[in-house]
């Protein structure tokens, strides 16, 4: 009798184990093919973006050197069966200047290699003694997003192939630029998508700390309530006319004055874990 009970228990346990394993396998298959179902992925850009790249900038405000910024791209990741870039941006103000301009920020973006559409965007901004953290999860196939901020979850729809601000910057670098070109993107921040207009104004040789570069001057402007993104006007970007498409110089007209970022170094980040740009833990 005891042996019969034991055999029954073993069979039941084995059956449950097989069912659980099958369920896990089916779930994994479904998750792995999440973005592989029928969907028309539009190719965005001509140039392949660099990975394992770290760019550092000197940041100034109204001619005062405030701190530095690091823009970094690391190995491609697999997101639901799609190849995705993993990009980071860190901005840090020098401690002795924080009474003048108190801001430290870290951003991380995962976006599709082909379409540059966003999969995920994390931000952590410390300003004037307050910290704001956000996580946005995008579904480019369903054209939806989920925003997690301050313990609250907001869901909604996005424009097709919507990009976060970091993905948009890398997307611009991938374009086959020429003077007179105009591009229109949808940049998503918080719970809103903003129309972003990109104009290639002209070519110009620029001399910066890193050397001389032949650049395209690109003007970007946001429509709608762009104040939520901290922009009150237009931003100019000097992008090098080469395969790397290095963003050499930024000039931003913000609500608080003129902000400039100048490229100081461009190096490979393979095997280097930058402490100041660790993955954001939300």
Protein backbone atom coordinates (compact mmCIF):
# COMPACT_ATOMS: atom_id res chain seq x y z
CA UNK A 1 0.00 0.00 0.00
CA UNK A 2 2.75 2.41 0.94
CA UNK A 3 4.63 1.44 -2.22
CA UNK A 4 1.51 2.16 -4.27
CA UNK A 5 1.11 5.59 -2.65
CA UNK A 6 4.77 6.32 -3.30
CA UNK A 7 4.45 5.32 -6.98
CA UNK A 8 1.31 7.44 -7.35
CA UNK A 9 3.08 10.41 -5.75
CA UNK A 10 6.13 9.95 -8.00
CA UNK A 11 3.94 9.74 -11.14
CA UNK A 12 2.01 12.86 -10.11
CA UNK A 13 5.19 14.74 -9.31
CA UNK A 14 6.77 13.69 -12.63
CA UNK A 15 3.63 14.69 -14.54
CA UNK A 16 3.59 18.09 -12.83
CA UNK A 17 7.29 18.53 -13.55
CA UNK A 18 6.81 17.71 -17.25
CA UNK A 19 3.84 20.08 -17.52
CA UNK A 20 5.80 22.85 -15.77
CA UNK A 21 8.83 22.30 -17.98
CA UNK A 22 6.64 22.34 -21.10
CA UNK A 23 4.95 25.55 -19.93
CA UNK A 24 8.30 27.20 -19.26
CA UNK A 25 9.54 26.09 -22.69
CA UNK A 26 6.44 27.49 -24.40
CA UNK A 27 6.78 30.76 -22.48
CA UNK A 28 10.45 31.03 -23.41
CA UNK A 29 9.64 30.35 -27.06
CA UNK A 30 6.93 32.99 -26.99
CA UNK A 31 9.18 35.54 -25.27
CA UNK A 32 12.06 34.81 -27.59
CA UNK A 33 9.88 35.43 -30.64
CA UNK A 34 8.04 38.41 -29.14
CA UNK A 35 9.09 40.80 -31.89
CA UNK A 36 9.46 38.19 -34.63
CA UNK A 37 5.80 37.98 -35.48
CA UNK A 38 4.66 39.55 -38.72
CA UNK A 39 5.81 43.14 -38.62
CA UNK A 40 7.37 45.44 -41.18
CA UNK A 41 10.61 46.74 -39.67
CA UNK A 42 11.69 49.88 -41.51
CA UNK A 43 15.42 50.39 -41.98
CA UNK A 44 16.56 53.72 -40.59
CA UNK A 45 19.89 55.21 -41.61
CA UNK A 46 22.76 54.20 -43.87
CA UNK A 47 25.80 53.96 -41.61
CA UNK A 48 26.31 51.20 -39.07
CA UNK A 49 26.76 52.62 -35.60
CA UNK A 50 29.91 51.97 -33.61
CA UNK A 51 29.67 49.75 -30.57
CA UNK A 52 32.14 49.58 -27.69
CA UNK A 53 32.65 53.30 -28.10
CA UNK A 54 33.08 55.91 -25.40
CA UNK A 55 32.92 59.64 -26.13
CA UNK A 56 33.63 62.24 -23.44
CA UNK A 57 32.66 65.91 -23.52
CA UNK A 58 33.41 69.11 -21.63
CA UNK A 59 30.13 70.79 -20.72
CA UNK A 60 29.86 74.56 -20.29
CA UNK A 61 27.03 76.93 -19.40
CA UNK A 62 27.23 80.55 -20.53
CA UNK A 63 31.02 80.07 -21.07
CA UNK A 64 31.55 78.56 -17.58
CA UNK A 65 32.94 74.99 -17.58
CA UNK A 66 30.49 73.06 -15.43
CA UNK A 67 31.44 69.41 -15.75
CA UNK A 68 31.60 66.58 -18.21
CA UNK A 69 29.45 64.10 -20.10
CA UNK A 70 30.09 60.56 -21.35
CA UNK A 71 28.28 59.00 -24.29
CA UNK A 72 28.84 55.27 -24.58
CA UNK A 73 27.64 52.38 -26.74
CA UNK A 74 28.27 48.78 -25.72
CA UNK A 75 27.72 45.30 -27.18
CA UNK A 76 24.54 44.50 -29.09
CA UNK A 77 21.86 42.73 -27.04
CA UNK A 78 19.05 40.36 -27.97
CA UNK A 79 15.63 41.84 -27.25
CA UNK A 80 12.80 39.49 -28.18
CA UNK A 81 14.74 38.10 -31.11
CA UNK A 82 15.90 41.52 -32.35
CA UNK A 83 19.43 42.96 -32.20
CA UNK A 84 19.51 46.07 -30.05
CA UNK A 85 22.07 48.75 -29.29
CA UNK A 86 22.76 49.50 -25.64
CA UNK A 87 23.65 53.19 -25.20
CA UNK A 88 24.43 55.27 -22.12
CA UNK A 89 24.67 58.97 -21.38
CA UNK A 90 26.01 60.36 -18.12
CA UNK A 91 26.17 64.07 -17.22
CA UNK A 92 27.99 65.18 -14.06
CA UNK A 93 28.55 68.68 -12.74
CA UNK A 94 31.71 69.41 -10.77
CA UNK A 95 30.95 69.33 -7.02
CA UNK A 96 32.22 72.86 -6.31
CA UNK A 97 29.89 74.27 -9.00
CA UNK A 98 26.69 72.54 -7.89
CA UNK A 99 25.58 75.63 -5.98
CA UNK A 100 25.52 77.35 -9.37
CA UNK A 101 24.10 74.52 -11.46
CA UNK A 102 23.00 71.40 -9.57
CA UNK A 103 22.46 68.54 -12.01
CA UNK A 104 23.61 64.95 -12.35
CA UNK A 105 21.90 62.62 -14.78
CA UNK A 106 22.22 59.11 -16.17
CA UNK A 107 20.32 57.66 -19.12
CA UNK A 108 20.28 54.21 -20.69
CA UNK A 109 18.62 53.21 -23.95
CA UNK A 110 17.97 49.92 -25.73
CA UNK A 111 16.93 50.42 -29.35
CA UNK A 112 16.54 48.30 -32.46
CA UNK A 113 19.63 47.98 -34.66
CA UNK A 114 17.67 48.23 -37.92
CA UNK A 115 14.81 50.67 -37.29
CA UNK A 116 16.34 52.53 -34.27
CA UNK A 117 12.95 52.16 -32.54
CA UNK A 118 13.20 52.15 -28.74
CA UNK A 119 12.71 49.04 -26.61
CA UNK A 120 13.55 50.52 -23.22
CA UNK A 121 14.67 53.82 -21.74
CA UNK A 122 15.86 54.47 -18.18
CA UNK A 123 16.61 57.83 -16.65
CA UNK A 124 17.85 58.98 -13.26
CA UNK A 125 18.10 62.73 -12.76
CA UNK A 126 19.32 64.41 -9.58
CA UNK A 127 18.61 68.12 -9.57
CA UNK A 128 18.38 70.65 -6.73
CA UNK A 129 18.35 67.94 -4.07
CA UNK A 130 15.61 65.90 -5.72
CA UNK A 131 15.89 62.62 -7.62
CA UNK A 132 13.57 61.51 -10.39
CA UNK A 133 13.75 58.02 -11.86
CA UNK A 134 11.78 56.70 -14.81
CA UNK A 135 11.59 53.51 -16.83
CA UNK A 136 9.79 53.34 -20.17
CA UNK A 137 9.21 49.95 -21.82
CA UNK A 138 8.30 50.17 -25.50
CA UNK A 139 6.62 47.61 -27.74
CA UNK A 140 7.40 48.74 -31.32
CA UNK A 141 5.18 46.02 -32.83
CA UNK A 142 2.07 46.98 -30.86
CA UNK A 143 3.12 50.67 -30.81
CA UNK A 144 2.57 50.91 -27.06
CA UNK A 145 4.58 52.00 -24.03
CA UNK A 146 4.55 51.45 -20.28
CA UNK A 147 5.92 54.25 -18.08
CA UNK A 148 7.00 53.47 -14.52
CA UNK A 149 7.66 56.54 -12.42
CA UNK A 150 7.34 57.33 -8.70
CA UNK A 151 5.60 54.01 -8.02
CA UNK A 152 2.97 54.66 -10.68
CA UNK A 153 2.44 52.88 -13.99
CA UNK A 154 1.06 54.63 -17.06
CA UNK A 155 0.27 52.85 -20.33
CA UNK A 156 -0.52 54.29 -23.73
CA UNK A 157 0.17 54.29 -27.45
CA UNK A 158 3.19 55.63 -29.33
CA UNK A 159 3.96 56.68 -32.87
CA UNK A 160 5.41 54.04 -35.18
CA UNK A 161 9.11 53.42 -34.46
CA UNK A 162 9.12 55.99 -31.65
CA UNK A 163 12.55 56.81 -30.25
CA UNK A 164 13.73 58.05 -26.90
CA UNK A 165 16.07 61.05 -26.89
CA UNK A 166 19.22 58.89 -26.78
CA UNK A 167 18.10 56.55 -29.56
CA UNK A 168 17.25 59.60 -31.68
CA UNK A 169 20.80 60.95 -31.26
CA UNK A 170 22.31 57.67 -32.43
CA UNK A 171 19.74 57.53 -35.22
CA UNK A 172 20.89 60.92 -36.50
CA UNK A 173 24.47 59.66 -36.58
CA UNK A 174 23.45 56.77 -38.86
CA UNK A 175 21.91 59.00 -41.55
CA UNK A 176 23.46 59.65 -44.98
CA UNK A 177 23.59 63.39 -44.46
CA UNK A 178 23.82 66.13 -47.05
CA UNK A 179 23.05 69.86 -46.86
CA UNK A 180 19.37 70.59 -47.42
CA UNK A 181 18.14 67.25 -46.07
CA UNK A 182 15.16 67.35 -43.69
CA UNK A 183 14.06 64.42 -41.53
CA UNK A 184 11.08 64.04 -39.20
CA UNK A 185 11.16 61.78 -36.15
CA UNK A 186 8.91 61.02 -33.20
CA UNK A 187 10.74 61.35 -29.88
CA UNK A 188 8.99 59.89 -26.85
CA UNK A 189 9.56 61.24 -23.33
CA UNK A 190 7.43 60.47 -20.30
CA UNK A 191 3.93 59.81 -21.59
CA UNK A 192 4.16 61.92 -24.77
CA UNK A 193 5.60 61.66 -28.27
CA UNK A 194 7.04 64.89 -29.67
CA UNK A 195 7.63 65.69 -33.38
CA UNK A 196 11.35 66.25 -33.94
CA UNK A 197 12.54 68.04 -37.07
CA UNK A 198 16.12 67.52 -38.23
CA UNK A 199 17.63 69.91 -40.79
CA UNK A 200 21.08 69.53 -42.33
CA UNK A 201 22.11 73.17 -42.71
CA UNK A 202 25.59 73.07 -44.24
CA UNK A 203 29.12 71.67 -43.96
CA UNK A 204 31.82 73.35 -41.94
CA UNK A 205 35.32 72.59 -40.65
CA UNK A 206 35.44 72.86 -36.89
CA UNK A 207 38.45 72.94 -34.57
CA UNK A 208 37.90 71.44 -31.11
CA UNK A 209 40.13 70.08 -28.35
CA UNK A 210 40.33 66.70 -30.09
CA UNK A 211 41.42 68.21 -33.43
CA UNK A 212 39.90 69.44 -36.69
CA UNK A 213 36.87 67.80 -38.27
CA UNK A 214 34.82 68.38 -41.40
CA UNK A 215 31.27 68.40 -40.07
CA UNK A 216 27.64 68.63 -41.04
CA UNK A 217 25.80 71.24 -38.99
CA UNK A 218 22.45 69.78 -37.97
CA UNK A 219 19.61 71.78 -36.48
CA UNK A 220 17.10 69.89 -34.35
CA UNK A 221 13.86 71.41 -33.11
CA UNK A 222 10.98 70.02 -31.11
CA UNK A 223 7.37 70.97 -31.65
CA UNK A 224 4.65 71.06 -29.04
CA UNK A 225 5.27 71.35 -25.32
CA UNK A 226 9.03 70.82 -25.53
CA UNK A 227 9.58 72.61 -22.21
CA UNK A 228 8.99 69.26 -20.52
CA UNK A 229 12.21 68.08 -22.16
CA UNK A 230 14.12 71.12 -20.92
CA UNK A 231 14.32 72.73 -24.35
CA UNK A 232 13.11 76.22 -25.19
CA UNK A 233 14.57 76.57 -28.66
CA UNK A 234 16.81 74.79 -31.14
CA UNK A 235 19.88 72.63 -30.74
CA UNK A 236 22.78 72.56 -33.19
CA UNK A 237 24.96 69.46 -33.57
CA UNK A 238 28.23 69.28 -35.49
CA UNK A 239 28.48 65.68 -36.82
CA UNK A 240 31.74 64.55 -38.45
CA UNK A 241 31.58 63.69 -42.15
CA UNK A 242 33.11 60.23 -41.83
CA UNK A 243 31.96 56.67 -41.18
CA UNK A 244 32.05 57.11 -37.41
CA UNK A 245 29.76 60.16 -37.58
CA UNK A 246 31.20 61.52 -34.34
CA UNK A 247 29.04 64.20 -32.67
CA UNK A 248 31.83 66.74 -32.15
CA UNK A 249 30.01 69.74 -30.75
CA UNK A 250 26.58 70.56 -29.29
CA UNK A 251 25.05 73.99 -28.82
CA UNK A 252 21.74 74.08 -26.96
CA UNK A 253 19.51 77.05 -26.27
CA UNK A 254 17.86 75.96 -23.01
CA UNK A 255 15.53 77.65 -20.56
CA UNK A 256 18.50 78.48 -18.35
CA UNK A 257 20.91 79.77 -20.98
CA UNK A 258 23.41 78.55 -23.56
CA UNK A 259 24.81 75.06 -22.97
CA UNK A 260 27.75 73.75 -25.02
CA UNK A 261 29.28 70.26 -25.08
CA UNK A 262 32.65 69.81 -26.82
CA UNK A 263 34.14 66.42 -27.66
CA UNK A 264 37.37 65.77 -25.72
CA UNK A 265 38.08 62.10 -26.37
CA UNK A 266 36.82 59.19 -28.47
CA UNK A 267 37.96 55.72 -27.47
CA UNK A 268 36.91 52.08 -27.54
CA UNK A 269 35.18 50.97 -24.37
CA UNK A 270 35.62 47.21 -24.89
CA UNK A 271 36.50 45.60 -21.61
CA UNK A 272 36.19 48.90 -19.75
CA UNK A 273 33.44 49.34 -17.19
CA UNK A 274 33.02 53.04 -16.55
CA UNK A 275 31.96 53.47 -12.92
CA UNK A 276 30.19 56.71 -13.69
CA UNK A 277 27.99 55.06 -16.30
CA UNK A 278 26.97 51.83 -14.59
CA UNK A 279 23.57 50.34 -15.42
CA UNK A 280 20.91 52.32 -13.63
CA UNK A 281 19.26 50.31 -10.85
CA UNK A 282 15.63 51.32 -10.65
